PDB file of N, CA and C in Angstrom:
ATOM      1  N   UNK A   1     173.694  45.907 129.079  1.00  0.00           N
ATOM      2  CA  UNK A   1     174.659  46.180 130.115  1.00  0.00           C
ATOM      3  C   UNK A   1     175.186  47.577 129.895  1.00  0.00           C
ATOM      4  N   UNK A   2     175.241  48.381 130.949  1.00  0.00           N
ATOM      5  CA  UNK A   2     175.728  49.750 130.885  1.00  0.00           C
ATOM      6  C   UNK A   2     177.200  49.769 131.234  1.00  0.00           C
ATOM      7  N   UNK A   3     177.983  50.449 130.436  1.00  0.00           N
ATOM      8  CA  UNK A   3     179.410  50.558 130.680  1.00  0.00           C
ATOM      9  C   UNK A   3     179.719  52.020 130.997  1.00  0.00           C
ATOM     10  N   UNK A   4     180.347  52.277 132.121  1.00  0.00           N
ATOM     11  CA  UNK A   4     180.756  53.617 132.507  1.00  0.00           C
ATOM     12  C   UNK A   4     182.274  53.705 132.477  1.00  0.00           C
ATOM     13  N   UNK A   5     182.796  54.850 132.102  1.00  0.00           N
ATOM     14  CA  UNK A   5     184.239  55.053 132.058  1.00  0.00           C
ATOM     15  C   UNK A   5     184.640  55.880 133.265  1.00  0.00           C
ATOM     16  N   UNK A   6     185.703  55.454 133.944  1.00  0.00           N
ATOM     17  CA  UNK A   6     186.167  56.205 135.110  1.00  0.00           C
ATOM     18  C   UNK A   6     186.838  57.484 134.648  1.00  0.00           C
ATOM     19  N   UNK A   7     186.673  58.560 135.426  1.00  0.00           N
ATOM     20  CA  UNK A   7     187.289  59.831 135.094  1.00  0.00           C
ATOM     21  C   UNK A   7     188.433  60.173 136.033  1.00  0.00           C
ATOM     22  N   UNK A   8     188.446  59.584 137.223  1.00  0.00           N
ATOM     23  CA  UNK A   8     189.500  59.874 138.193  1.00  0.00           C
ATOM     24  C   UNK A   8     190.752  59.092 137.841  1.00  0.00           C
ATOM     25  N   UNK A   9     191.933  59.663 138.119  1.00  0.00           N
ATOM     26  CA  UNK A   9     193.164  58.932 137.848  1.00  0.00           C
ATOM     27  C   UNK A   9     193.233  57.675 138.718  1.00  0.00           C
ATOM     28  N   UNK A  10     193.695  56.621 138.126  1.00  0.00           N
ATOM     29  CA  UNK A  10     193.851  55.377 138.868  1.00  0.00           C
ATOM     30  C   UNK A  10     194.965  54.569 138.218  1.00  0.00           C
ATOM     31  N   UNK A  11     195.182  53.386 138.772  1.00  0.00           N
ATOM     32  CA  UNK A  11     196.241  52.526 138.242  1.00  0.00           C
ATOM     33  C   UNK A  11     195.865  52.004 136.860  1.00  0.00           C
ATOM     34  N   UNK A  12     194.577  52.011 136.522  1.00  0.00           N
ATOM     35  CA  UNK A  12     194.152  51.534 135.211  1.00  0.00           C
ATOM     36  C   UNK A  12     193.954  52.712 134.279  1.00  0.00           C
ATOM     37  N   UNK A  13     193.858  52.450 133.026  1.00  0.00           N
ATOM     38  CA  UNK A  13     193.657  53.484 132.019  1.00  0.00           C
ATOM     39  C   UNK A  13     192.300  54.155 132.220  1.00  0.00           C
ATOM     40  N   UNK A  14     192.183  55.438 131.877  1.00  0.00           N
ATOM     41  CA  UNK A  14     190.922  56.181 132.014  1.00  0.00           C
ATOM     42  C   UNK A  14     189.850  55.649 131.076  1.00  0.00           C
ATOM     43  N   UNK A  15     190.235  54.855 130.090  1.00  0.00           N
ATOM     44  CA  UNK A  15     189.243  54.318 129.164  1.00  0.00           C
ATOM     45  C   UNK A  15     188.803  52.914 129.536  1.00  0.00           C
ATOM     46  N   UNK A  16     189.273  52.405 130.663  1.00  0.00           N
ATOM     47  CA  UNK A  16     188.850  51.076 131.102  1.00  0.00           C
ATOM     48  C   UNK A  16     187.402  51.153 131.563  1.00  0.00           C
ATOM     49  N   UNK A  17     186.489  50.397 130.939  1.00  0.00           N
ATOM     50  CA  UNK A  17     185.082  50.485 131.317  1.00  0.00           C
ATOM     51  C   UNK A  17     184.819  49.842 132.676  1.00  0.00           C
ATOM     52  N   UNK A  18     183.853  50.394 133.369  1.00  0.00           N
ATOM     53  CA  UNK A  18     183.408  49.862 134.646  1.00  0.00           C
ATOM     54  C   UNK A  18     181.995  49.346 134.474  1.00  0.00           C
ATOM     55  N   UNK A  19     181.734  48.143 134.904  1.00  0.00           N
ATOM     56  CA  UNK A  19     180.406  47.575 134.789  1.00  0.00           C
ATOM     57  C   UNK A  19     179.584  47.940 136.011  1.00  0.00           C
ATOM     58  N   UNK A  20     178.342  48.401 135.758  1.00  0.00           N
ATOM     59  CA  UNK A  20     177.429  48.757 136.840  1.00  0.00           C
ATOM     60  C   UNK A  20     176.287  47.746 136.816  1.00  0.00           C
ATOM     61  N   UNK A  21     175.996  47.178 137.962  1.00  0.00           N
ATOM     62  CA  UNK A  21     174.945  46.165 138.026  1.00  0.00           C
ATOM     63  C   UNK A  21     173.572  46.807 137.861  1.00  0.00           C
ATOM     64  N   UNK A  22     172.576  46.058 137.322  1.00  0.00           N
ATOM     65  CA  UNK A  22     171.220  46.582 137.191  1.00  0.00           C
ATOM     66  C   UNK A  22     170.639  47.017 138.534  1.00  0.00           C
ATOM     67  N   UNK A  23     170.999  46.323 139.622  1.00  0.00           N
ATOM     68  CA  UNK A  23     170.494  46.695 140.949  1.00  0.00           C
ATOM     69  C   UNK A  23     170.986  48.088 141.336  1.00  0.00           C
ATOM     70  N   UNK A  24     172.241  48.410 140.987  1.00  0.00           N
ATOM     71  CA  UNK A  24     172.780  49.725 141.300  1.00  0.00           C
ATOM     72  C   UNK A  24     172.066  50.804 140.505  1.00  0.00           C
ATOM     73  N   UNK A  25     171.716  50.514 139.253  1.00  0.00           N
ATOM     74  CA  UNK A  25     170.992  51.487 138.442  1.00  0.00           C
ATOM     75  C   UNK A  25     169.600  51.724 138.996  1.00  0.00           C
ATOM     76  N   UNK A  26     168.946  50.679 139.461  1.00  0.00           N
ATOM     77  CA  UNK A  26     167.617  50.821 140.044  1.00  0.00           C
ATOM     78  C   UNK A  26     167.680  51.703 141.280  1.00  0.00           C
ATOM     79  N   UNK A  27     168.704  51.530 142.076  1.00  0.00           N
ATOM     80  CA  UNK A  27     168.852  52.319 143.288  1.00  0.00           C
ATOM     81  C   UNK A  27     169.071  53.794 142.955  1.00  0.00           C
ATOM     82  N   UNK A  28     169.703  54.088 141.814  1.00  0.00           N
ATOM     83  CA  UNK A  28     169.975  55.461 141.429  1.00  0.00           C
ATOM     84  C   UNK A  28     168.752  56.161 140.853  1.00  0.00           C
ATOM     85  N   UNK A  29     167.816  55.415 140.253  1.00  0.00           N
ATOM     86  CA  UNK A  29     166.668  56.034 139.606  1.00  0.00           C
ATOM     87  C   UNK A  29     165.505  56.118 140.581  1.00  0.00           C
ATOM     88  N   UNK A  30     165.445  57.235 141.293  1.00  0.00           N
ATOM     89  CA  UNK A  30     164.370  57.442 142.244  1.00  0.00           C
ATOM     90  C   UNK A  30     163.309  58.311 141.615  1.00  0.00           C
ATOM     91  N   UNK A  31     162.135  58.327 142.218  1.00  0.00           N
ATOM     92  CA  UNK A  31     161.034  59.123 141.710  1.00  0.00           C
ATOM     93  C   UNK A  31     161.104  60.556 142.197  1.00  0.00           C
ATOM     94  N   UNK A  32     160.168  61.345 141.744  1.00  0.00           N
ATOM     95  CA  UNK A  32     160.039  62.737 142.151  1.00  0.00           C
ATOM     96  C   UNK A  32     159.662  62.792 143.625  1.00  0.00           C
ATOM     97  N   UNK A  33     160.347  63.618 144.404  1.00  0.00           N
ATOM     98  CA  UNK A  33     160.053  63.743 145.827  1.00  0.00           C
ATOM     99  C   UNK A  33     158.650  64.284 146.069  1.00  0.00           C
ATOM    100  N   UNK A  34     158.173  65.130 145.182  1.00  0.00           N
ATOM    101  CA  UNK A  34     156.872  65.771 145.374  1.00  0.00           C
ATOM    102  C   UNK A  34     155.717  64.882 144.937  1.00  0.00           C
ATOM    103  N   UNK A  35     155.773  64.347 143.703  1.00  0.00           N
ATOM    104  CA  UNK A  35     154.647  63.584 143.166  1.00  0.00           C
ATOM    105  C   UNK A  35     154.828  62.083 143.280  1.00  0.00           C
ATOM    106  N   UNK A  36     156.070  61.619 143.423  1.00  0.00           N
ATOM    107  CA  UNK A  36     156.329  60.185 143.459  1.00  0.00           C
ATOM    108  C   UNK A  36     156.439  59.575 142.065  1.00  0.00           C
ATOM    109  N   UNK A  37     156.248  60.375 141.014  1.00  0.00           N
ATOM    110  CA  UNK A  37     156.331  59.865 139.647  1.00  0.00           C
ATOM    111  C   UNK A  37     157.762  59.439 139.345  1.00  0.00           C
ATOM    112  N   UNK A  38     157.893  58.408 138.546  1.00  0.00           N
ATOM    113  CA  UNK A  38     159.209  57.914 138.153  1.00  0.00           C
ATOM    114  C   UNK A  38     159.457  58.218 136.689  1.00  0.00           C
ATOM    115  N   UNK A  39     160.695  58.160 136.279  1.00  0.00           N
ATOM    116  CA  UNK A  39     161.045  58.356 134.887  1.00  0.00           C
ATOM    117  C   UNK A  39     160.632  57.164 134.055  1.00  0.00           C
ATOM    118  N   UNK A  40     160.708  57.303 132.762  1.00  0.00           N
ATOM    119  CA  UNK A  40     160.264  56.246 131.868  1.00  0.00           C
ATOM    120  C   UNK A  40     161.375  55.262 131.551  1.00  0.00           C
ATOM    121  N   UNK A  41     161.072  53.995 131.725  1.00  0.00           N
ATOM    122  CA  UNK A  41     161.967  52.949 131.259  1.00  0.00           C
ATOM    123  C   UNK A  41     161.234  52.091 130.234  1.00  0.00           C
ATOM    124  N   UNK A  42     159.974  52.399 129.986  1.00  0.00           N
ATOM    125  CA  UNK A  42     159.172  51.656 129.019  1.00  0.00           C
ATOM    126  C   UNK A  42     159.500  52.135 127.608  1.00  0.00           C
ATOM    127  N   UNK A  43     159.226  51.285 126.634  1.00  0.00           N
ATOM    128  CA  UNK A  43     159.540  51.635 125.257  1.00  0.00           C
ATOM    129  C   UNK A  43     158.307  51.697 124.356  1.00  0.00           C
ATOM    130  N   UNK A  44     157.114  51.383 124.860  1.00  0.00           N
ATOM    131  CA  UNK A  44     155.904  51.482 124.049  1.00  0.00           C
ATOM    132  C   UNK A  44     155.677  52.944 123.684  1.00  0.00           C
ATOM    133  N   UNK A  45     155.314  53.186 122.406  1.00  0.00           N
ATOM    134  CA  UNK A  45     155.124  54.551 121.949  1.00  0.00           C
ATOM    135  C   UNK A  45     153.644  54.864 121.788  1.00  0.00           C
ATOM    136  N   UNK A  46     153.256  56.070 122.190  1.00  0.00           N
ATOM    137  CA  UNK A  46     151.889  56.563 122.109  1.00  0.00           C
ATOM    138  C   UNK A  46     151.901  57.891 121.363  1.00  0.00           C
ATOM    139  N   UNK A  47     151.799  57.858 120.026  1.00  0.00           N
ATOM    140  CA  UNK A  47     151.842  59.109 119.267  1.00  0.00           C
ATOM    141  C   UNK A  47     150.599  59.962 119.530  1.00  0.00           C
ATOM    142  N   UNK A  48     150.807  61.257 119.674  1.00  0.00           N
ATOM    143  CA  UNK A  48     149.707  62.199 119.850  1.00  0.00           C
ATOM    144  C   UNK A  48     149.118  62.476 118.471  1.00  0.00           C
ATOM    145  N   UNK A  49     147.797  62.426 118.380  1.00  0.00           N
ATOM    146  CA  UNK A  49     147.151  62.620 117.084  1.00  0.00           C
ATOM    147  C   UNK A  49     146.623  64.039 116.889  1.00  0.00           C
ATOM    148  N   UNK A  50     146.845  64.920 117.864  1.00  0.00           N
ATOM    149  CA  UNK A  50     146.423  66.316 117.721  1.00  0.00           C
ATOM    150  C   UNK A  50     147.155  66.941 116.540  1.00  0.00           C
ATOM    151  N   UNK A  51     146.488  67.845 115.868  1.00  0.00           N
ATOM    152  CA  UNK A  51     147.086  68.513 114.712  1.00  0.00           C
ATOM    153  C   UNK A  51     147.821  69.765 115.200  1.00  0.00           C
ATOM    154  N   UNK A  52     149.138  69.812 114.975  1.00  0.00           N
ATOM    155  CA  UNK A  52     149.882  70.993 115.424  1.00  0.00           C
ATOM    156  C   UNK A  52     149.593  72.198 114.530  1.00  0.00           C
ATOM    157  N   UNK A  53     149.962  73.365 115.011  1.00  0.00           N
ATOM    158  CA  UNK A  53     149.907  74.620 114.259  1.00  0.00           C
ATOM    159  C   UNK A  53     148.491  75.078 113.923  1.00  0.00           C
ATOM    160  N   UNK A  54     147.515  74.646 114.711  1.00  0.00           N
ATOM    161  CA  UNK A  54     146.164  75.181 114.540  1.00  0.00           C
ATOM    162  C   UNK A  54     145.805  75.935 115.820  1.00  0.00           C
ATOM    163  N   UNK A  55     144.639  76.486 115.895  1.00  0.00           N
ATOM    164  CA  UNK A  55     144.253  77.287 117.064  1.00  0.00           C
ATOM    165  C   UNK A  55     143.438  76.478 118.066  1.00  0.00           C
ATOM    166  N   UNK A  56     143.404  75.165 117.920  1.00  0.00           N
ATOM    167  CA  UNK A  56     142.588  74.300 118.781  1.00  0.00           C
ATOM    168  C   UNK A  56     143.396  73.857 119.994  1.00  0.00           C
ATOM    169  N   UNK A  57     142.739  73.846 121.157  1.00  0.00           N
ATOM    170  CA  UNK A  57     143.364  73.411 122.412  1.00  0.00           C
ATOM    171  C   UNK A  57     143.730  71.926 122.311  1.00  0.00           C
ATOM    172  N   UNK A  58     144.990  71.596 122.538  1.00  0.00           N
ATOM    173  CA  UNK A  58     145.486  70.221 122.430  1.00  0.00           C
ATOM    174  C   UNK A  58     145.666  69.541 123.782  1.00  0.00           C
ATOM    175  N   UNK A  59     145.273  70.197 124.864  1.00  0.00           N
ATOM    176  CA  UNK A  59     145.487  69.658 126.205  1.00  0.00           C
ATOM    177  C   UNK A  59     144.870  68.271 126.364  1.00  0.00           C
ATOM    178  N   UNK A  60     143.595  68.109 126.012  1.00  0.00           N
ATOM    179  CA  UNK A  60     142.896  66.833 126.209  1.00  0.00           C
ATOM    180  C   UNK A  60     143.519  65.712 125.381  1.00  0.00           C
ATOM    181  N   UNK A  61     143.927  66.023 124.165  1.00  0.00           N
ATOM    182  CA  UNK A  61     144.528  65.005 123.307  1.00  0.00           C
ATOM    183  C   UNK A  61     145.850  64.502 123.888  1.00  0.00           C
ATOM    184  N   UNK A  62     146.701  65.426 124.328  1.00  0.00           N
ATOM    185  CA  UNK A  62     147.988  65.040 124.898  1.00  0.00           C
ATOM    186  C   UNK A  62     147.791  64.317 126.221  1.00  0.00           C
ATOM    187  N   UNK A  63     146.902  64.839 127.076  1.00  0.00           N
ATOM    188  CA  UNK A  63     146.640  64.201 128.371  1.00  0.00           C
ATOM    189  C   UNK A  63     146.065  62.803 128.182  1.00  0.00           C
ATOM    190  N   UNK A  64     145.238  62.615 127.171  1.00  0.00           N
ATOM    191  CA  UNK A  64     144.676  61.287 126.894  1.00  0.00           C
ATOM    192  C   UNK A  64     145.748  60.256 126.574  1.00  0.00           C
ATOM    193  N   UNK A  65     146.770  60.658 125.825  1.00  0.00           N
ATOM    194  CA  UNK A  65     147.871  59.744 125.489  1.00  0.00           C
ATOM    195  C   UNK A  65     148.749  59.485 126.719  1.00  0.00           C
ATOM    196  N   UNK A  66     148.950  60.512 127.556  1.00  0.00           N
ATOM    197  CA  UNK A  66     149.701  60.328 128.805  1.00  0.00           C
ATOM    198  C   UNK A  66     148.965  59.326 129.689  1.00  0.00           C
ATOM    199  N   UNK A  67     147.652  59.487 129.803  1.00  0.00           N
ATOM    200  CA  UNK A  67     146.843  58.578 130.620  1.00  0.00           C
ATOM    201  C   UNK A  67     146.884  57.152 130.074  1.00  0.00           C
ATOM    202  N   UNK A  68     146.805  57.003 128.747  1.00  0.00           N
ATOM    203  CA  UNK A  68     146.847  55.668 128.135  1.00  0.00           C
ATOM    204  C   UNK A  68     148.186  54.989 128.409  1.00  0.00           C
ATOM    205  N   UNK A  69     149.265  55.731 128.270  1.00  0.00           N
ATOM    206  CA  UNK A  69     150.594  55.175 128.538  1.00  0.00           C
ATOM    207  C   UNK A  69     150.724  54.804 130.012  1.00  0.00           C
ATOM    208  N   UNK A  70     150.242  55.661 130.897  1.00  0.00           N
ATOM    209  CA  UNK A  70     150.308  55.380 132.330  1.00  0.00           C
ATOM    210  C   UNK A  70     149.498  54.153 132.707  1.00  0.00           C
ATOM    211  N   UNK A  71     148.308  54.007 132.122  1.00  0.00           N
ATOM    212  CA  UNK A  71     147.453  52.848 132.407  1.00  0.00           C
ATOM    213  C   UNK A  71     148.075  51.539 131.925  1.00  0.00           C
ATOM    214  N   UNK A  72     148.894  51.640 130.879  1.00  0.00           N
ATOM    215  CA  UNK A  72     149.547  50.452 130.324  1.00  0.00           C
ATOM    216  C   UNK A  72     150.864  50.139 131.024  1.00  0.00           C
ATOM    217  N   UNK A  73     151.216  50.905 132.054  1.00  0.00           N
ATOM    218  CA  UNK A  73     152.455  50.644 132.778  1.00  0.00           C
ATOM    219  C   UNK A  73     153.613  51.511 132.350  1.00  0.00           C
ATOM    220  N   UNK A  74     153.387  52.413 131.396  1.00  0.00           N
ATOM    221  CA  UNK A  74     154.429  53.334 130.971  1.00  0.00           C
ATOM    222  C   UNK A  74     154.635  53.336 129.482  1.00  0.00           C
ATOM    223  N   UNK A  75     155.364  54.315 129.011  1.00  0.00           N
ATOM    224  CA  UNK A  75     155.655  54.426 127.591  1.00  0.00           C
ATOM    225  C   UNK A  75     156.125  55.819 127.250  1.00  0.00           C
ATOM    226  N   UNK A  76     156.279  56.042 125.961  1.00  0.00           N
ATOM    227  CA  UNK A  76     156.753  57.320 125.440  1.00  0.00           C
ATOM    228  C   UNK A  76     155.623  57.970 124.659  1.00  0.00           C
ATOM    229  N   UNK A  77     155.194  59.145 125.103  1.00  0.00           N
ATOM    230  CA  UNK A  77     154.177  59.907 124.393  1.00  0.00           C
ATOM    231  C   UNK A  77     154.925  60.804 123.410  1.00  0.00           C
ATOM    232  N   UNK A  78     154.730  60.532 122.119  1.00  0.00           N
ATOM    233  CA  UNK A  78     155.487  61.206 121.065  1.00  0.00           C
ATOM    234  C   UNK A  78     154.695  62.369 120.480  1.00  0.00           C
ATOM    235  N   UNK A  79     155.325  63.543 120.468  1.00  0.00           N
ATOM    236  CA  UNK A  79     154.758  64.728 119.840  1.00  0.00           C
ATOM    237  C   UNK A  79     155.542  65.031 118.573  1.00  0.00           C
ATOM    238  N   UNK A  80     154.858  65.238 117.445  1.00  0.00           N
ATOM    239  CA  UNK A  80     155.570  65.601 116.219  1.00  0.00           C
ATOM    240  C   UNK A  80     156.008  67.061 116.273  1.00  0.00           C
ATOM    241  N   UNK A  81     156.686  67.508 115.247  1.00  0.00           N
ATOM    242  CA  UNK A  81     157.090  68.905 115.149  1.00  0.00           C
ATOM    243  C   UNK A  81     155.856  69.779 115.005  1.00  0.00           C
ATOM    244  N   UNK A  82     155.928  70.963 115.574  1.00  0.00           N
ATOM    245  CA  UNK A  82     154.835  71.912 115.457  1.00  0.00           C
ATOM    246  C   UNK A  82     154.519  72.527 116.804  1.00  0.00           C
ATOM    247  N   UNK A  83     153.555  73.447 116.806  1.00  0.00           N
ATOM    248  CA  UNK A  83     153.141  74.142 118.011  1.00  0.00           C
ATOM    249  C   UNK A  83     151.812  73.581 118.492  1.00  0.00           C
ATOM    250  N   UNK A  84     151.764  73.196 119.762  1.00  0.00           N
ATOM    251  CA  UNK A  84     150.558  72.653 120.380  1.00  0.00           C
ATOM    252  C   UNK A  84     150.064  73.643 121.429  1.00  0.00           C
ATOM    253  N   UNK A  85     148.773  73.994 121.353  1.00  0.00           N
ATOM    254  CA  UNK A  85     148.162  74.942 122.284  1.00  0.00           C
ATOM    255  C   UNK A  85     147.723  74.189 123.539  1.00  0.00           C
ATOM    256  N   UNK A  86     148.134  74.694 124.697  1.00  0.00           N
ATOM    257  CA  UNK A  86     147.783  74.083 125.984  1.00  0.00           C
ATOM    258  C   UNK A  86     147.008  75.117 126.801  1.00  0.00           C
ATOM    259  N   UNK A  87     145.737  74.816 127.101  1.00  0.00           N
ATOM    260  CA  UNK A  87     144.922  75.717 127.913  1.00  0.00           C
ATOM    261  C   UNK A  87     144.691  75.175 129.314  1.00  0.00           C
ATOM    262  N   UNK A  88     145.300  74.062 129.644  1.00  0.00           N
ATOM    263  CA  UNK A  88     145.152  73.478 130.971  1.00  0.00           C
ATOM    264  C   UNK A  88     146.447  72.815 131.390  1.00  0.00           C
ATOM    265  N   UNK A  89     146.410  72.174 132.535  1.00  0.00           N
ATOM    266  CA  UNK A  89     147.622  71.519 133.028  1.00  0.00           C
ATOM    267  C   UNK A  89     147.759  70.127 132.403  1.00  0.00           C
ATOM    268  N   UNK A  90     148.982  69.677 132.264  1.00  0.00           N
ATOM    269  CA  UNK A  90     149.276  68.305 131.866  1.00  0.00           C
ATOM    270  C   UNK A  90     149.820  67.600 133.095  1.00  0.00           C
ATOM    271  N   UNK A  91     149.228  66.485 133.445  1.00  0.00           N
ATOM    272  CA  UNK A  91     149.673  65.735 134.620  1.00  0.00           C
ATOM    273  C   UNK A  91     150.350  64.457 134.142  1.00  0.00           C
ATOM    274  N   UNK A  92     151.649  64.347 134.420  1.00  0.00           N
ATOM    275  CA  UNK A  92     152.416  63.179 133.990  1.00  0.00           C
ATOM    276  C   UNK A  92     152.084  61.977 134.863  1.00  0.00           C
ATOM    277  N   UNK A  93     152.279  60.797 134.298  1.00  0.00           N
ATOM    278  CA  UNK A  93     152.077  59.544 135.016  1.00  0.00           C
ATOM    279  C   UNK A  93     153.432  58.870 135.196  1.00  0.00           C
ATOM    280  N   UNK A  94     153.524  58.004 136.176  1.00  0.00           N
ATOM    281  CA  UNK A  94     154.776  57.289 136.416  1.00  0.00           C
ATOM    282  C   UNK A  94     155.164  56.458 135.204  1.00  0.00           C
ATOM    283  N   UNK A  95     156.449  56.430 134.947  1.00  0.00           N
ATOM    284  CA  UNK A  95     157.038  55.639 133.877  1.00  0.00           C
ATOM    285  C   UNK A  95     156.585  56.112 132.494  1.00  0.00           C
ATOM    286  N   UNK A  96     156.235  57.396 132.379  1.00  0.00           N
ATOM    287  CA  UNK A  96     155.825  57.977 131.099  1.00  0.00           C
ATOM    288  C   UNK A  96     156.761  59.125 130.762  1.00  0.00           C
ATOM    289  N   UNK A  97     157.174  59.174 129.512  1.00  0.00           N
ATOM    290  CA  UNK A  97     158.055  60.232 129.027  1.00  0.00           C
ATOM    291  C   UNK A  97     157.323  60.989 127.922  1.00  0.00           C
ATOM    292  N   UNK A  98     157.294  62.311 127.995  1.00  0.00           N
ATOM    293  CA  UNK A  98     156.730  63.159 126.954  1.00  0.00           C
ATOM    294  C   UNK A  98     157.890  63.602 126.081  1.00  0.00           C
ATOM    295  N   UNK A  99     157.826  63.252 124.797  1.00  0.00           N
ATOM    296  CA  UNK A  99     158.983  63.478 123.922  1.00  0.00           C
ATOM    297  C   UNK A  99     158.568  64.157 122.628  1.00  0.00           C
ATOM    298  N   UNK A 100     159.222  65.260 122.308  1.00  0.00           N
ATOM    299  CA  UNK A 100     159.024  65.949 121.044  1.00  0.00           C
ATOM    300  C   UNK A 100     160.215  65.700 120.140  1.00  0.00           C
ATOM    301  N   UNK A 101     160.359  66.545 119.141  1.00  0.00           N
ATOM    302  CA  UNK A 101     161.504  66.427 118.234  1.00  0.00           C
ATOM    303  C   UNK A 101     162.408  67.652 118.389  1.00  0.00           C
ATOM    304  N   UNK A 102     162.787  67.894 119.634  1.00  0.00           N
ATOM    305  CA  UNK A 102     163.676  69.009 119.931  1.00  0.00           C
ATOM    306  C   UNK A 102     162.970  70.340 119.830  1.00  0.00           C
ATOM    307  N   UNK A 103     163.699  71.379 119.407  1.00  0.00           N
ATOM    308  CA  UNK A 103     163.126  72.719 119.360  1.00  0.00           C
ATOM    309  C   UNK A 103     161.994  72.866 118.342  1.00  0.00           C
ATOM    310  N   UNK A 104     161.788  71.870 117.505  1.00  0.00           N
ATOM    311  CA  UNK A 104     160.708  71.932 116.513  1.00  0.00           C
ATOM    312  C   UNK A 104     159.354  71.600 117.129  1.00  0.00           C
ATOM    313  N   UNK A 105     159.329  71.098 118.368  1.00  0.00           N
ATOM    314  CA  UNK A 105     158.079  70.814 119.075  1.00  0.00           C
ATOM    315  C   UNK A 105     157.910  71.859 120.176  1.00  0.00           C
ATOM    316  N   UNK A 106     156.779  72.566 120.134  1.00  0.00           N
ATOM    317  CA  UNK A 106     156.528  73.650 121.079  1.00  0.00           C
ATOM    318  C   UNK A 106     155.192  73.421 121.773  1.00  0.00           C
ATOM    319  N   UNK A 107     155.202  73.504 123.106  1.00  0.00           N
ATOM    320  CA  UNK A 107     153.971  73.519 123.892  1.00  0.00           C
ATOM    321  C   UNK A 107     153.745  74.977 124.275  1.00  0.00           C
ATOM    322  N   UNK A 108     152.662  75.559 123.771  1.00  0.00           N
ATOM    323  CA  UNK A 108     152.421  76.992 123.960  1.00  0.00           C
ATOM    324  C   UNK A 108     151.184  77.203 124.822  1.00  0.00           C
ATOM    325  N   UNK A 109     151.311  78.065 125.827  1.00  0.00           N
ATOM    326  CA  UNK A 109     150.163  78.412 126.659  1.00  0.00           C
ATOM    327  C   UNK A 109     149.128  79.104 125.790  1.00  0.00           C
ATOM    328  N   UNK A 110     147.900  78.577 125.825  1.00  0.00           N
ATOM    329  CA  UNK A 110     146.813  79.139 125.032  1.00  0.00           C
ATOM    330  C   UNK A 110     146.216  80.377 125.673  1.00  0.00           C
ATOM    331  N   UNK A 111     145.244  80.991 125.017  1.00  0.00           N
ATOM    332  CA  UNK A 111     144.672  82.243 125.497  1.00  0.00           C
ATOM    333  C   UNK A 111     143.958  82.131 126.848  1.00  0.00           C
ATOM    334  N   UNK A 112     143.478  80.949 127.198  1.00  0.00           N
ATOM    335  CA  UNK A 112     142.787  80.815 128.488  1.00  0.00           C
ATOM    336  C   UNK A 112     143.597  80.009 129.500  1.00  0.00           C
ATOM    337  N   UNK A 113     144.894  79.841 129.257  1.00  0.00           N
ATOM    338  CA  UNK A 113     145.736  79.059 130.156  1.00  0.00           C
ATOM    339  C   UNK A 113     145.737  79.618 131.573  1.00  0.00           C
ATOM    340  N   UNK A 114     145.853  80.920 131.714  1.00  0.00           N
ATOM    341  CA  UNK A 114     145.954  81.534 133.036  1.00  0.00           C
ATOM    342  C   UNK A 114     144.622  81.584 133.782  1.00  0.00           C
ATOM    343  N   UNK A 115     143.518  81.511 133.069  1.00  0.00           N
ATOM    344  CA  UNK A 115     142.217  81.590 133.734  1.00  0.00           C
ATOM    345  C   UNK A 115     141.537  80.236 133.859  1.00  0.00           C
ATOM    346  N   UNK A 116     142.034  79.217 133.183  1.00  0.00           N
ATOM    347  CA  UNK A 116     141.433  77.887 133.226  1.00  0.00           C
ATOM    348  C   UNK A 116     141.774  77.236 134.554  1.00  0.00           C
ATOM    349  N   UNK A 117     140.752  76.865 135.318  1.00  0.00           N
ATOM    350  CA  UNK A 117     140.999  76.233 136.613  1.00  0.00           C
ATOM    351  C   UNK A 117     140.761  74.739 136.569  1.00  0.00           C
ATOM    352  N   UNK A 118     140.164  74.221 135.527  1.00  0.00           N
ATOM    353  CA  UNK A 118     139.969  72.775 135.408  1.00  0.00           C
ATOM    354  C   UNK A 118     139.013  72.213 136.438  1.00  0.00           C
ATOM    355  N   UNK A 119     138.690  70.941 136.316  1.00  0.00           N
ATOM    356  CA  UNK A 119     137.715  70.321 137.222  1.00  0.00           C
ATOM    357  C   UNK A 119     138.196  70.204 138.665  1.00  0.00           C
ATOM    358  N   UNK A 120     139.493  70.190 138.883  1.00  0.00           N
ATOM    359  CA  UNK A 120     140.016  70.028 140.244  1.00  0.00           C
ATOM    360  C   UNK A 120     140.589  71.329 140.781  1.00  0.00           C
ATOM    361  N   UNK A 121     140.253  72.430 140.153  1.00  0.00           N
ATOM    362  CA  UNK A 121     140.762  73.718 140.618  1.00  0.00           C
ATOM    363  C   UNK A 121     141.958  74.216 139.844  1.00  0.00           C
ATOM    364  N   UNK A 122     142.707  73.311 139.226  1.00  0.00           N
ATOM    365  CA  UNK A 122     143.845  73.705 138.408  1.00  0.00           C
ATOM    366  C   UNK A 122     144.982  74.325 139.197  1.00  0.00           C
ATOM    367  N   UNK A 123     146.005  74.736 138.495  1.00  0.00           N
ATOM    368  CA  UNK A 123     147.192  75.342 139.075  1.00  0.00           C
ATOM    369  C   UNK A 123     147.591  76.536 138.243  1.00  0.00           C
ATOM    370  N   UNK A 124     147.318  77.716 138.728  1.00  0.00           N
ATOM    371  CA  UNK A 124     147.723  78.922 138.005  1.00  0.00           C
ATOM    372  C   UNK A 124     149.211  79.173 138.210  1.00  0.00           C
ATOM    373  N   UNK A 125     149.808  79.821 137.268  1.00  0.00           N
ATOM    374  CA  UNK A 125     151.227  80.184 137.376  1.00  0.00           C
ATOM    375  C   UNK A 125     151.369  81.486 138.110  1.00  0.00           C
TER     376      UNK A 125
END
């Protein structure tokens, strides 16, 4: 159960919790207007096995875990600390969250990121 605290002055104390129904939370969590993807509410974890801090392109490894989580209905794709080289686009799936360990996890555009068009034409910046 989610408890929210009111911030506006009222007859009750500002610390009186307000209960929000699950239906109201569902109504608030909409998907992306452009892609239709939704945020993650799943808790299954999919650790990325790519080795950080090397010169090898990690795009396929990360995308594979995103795809696996999406196929399973959602989950959290976990990236450890380190720098991961990305030479292509990463396409998120609905109900999937890509999660690192804060500033210690870096996704870095690789040397062929700008020229890689991928099998579907890709998206240049």
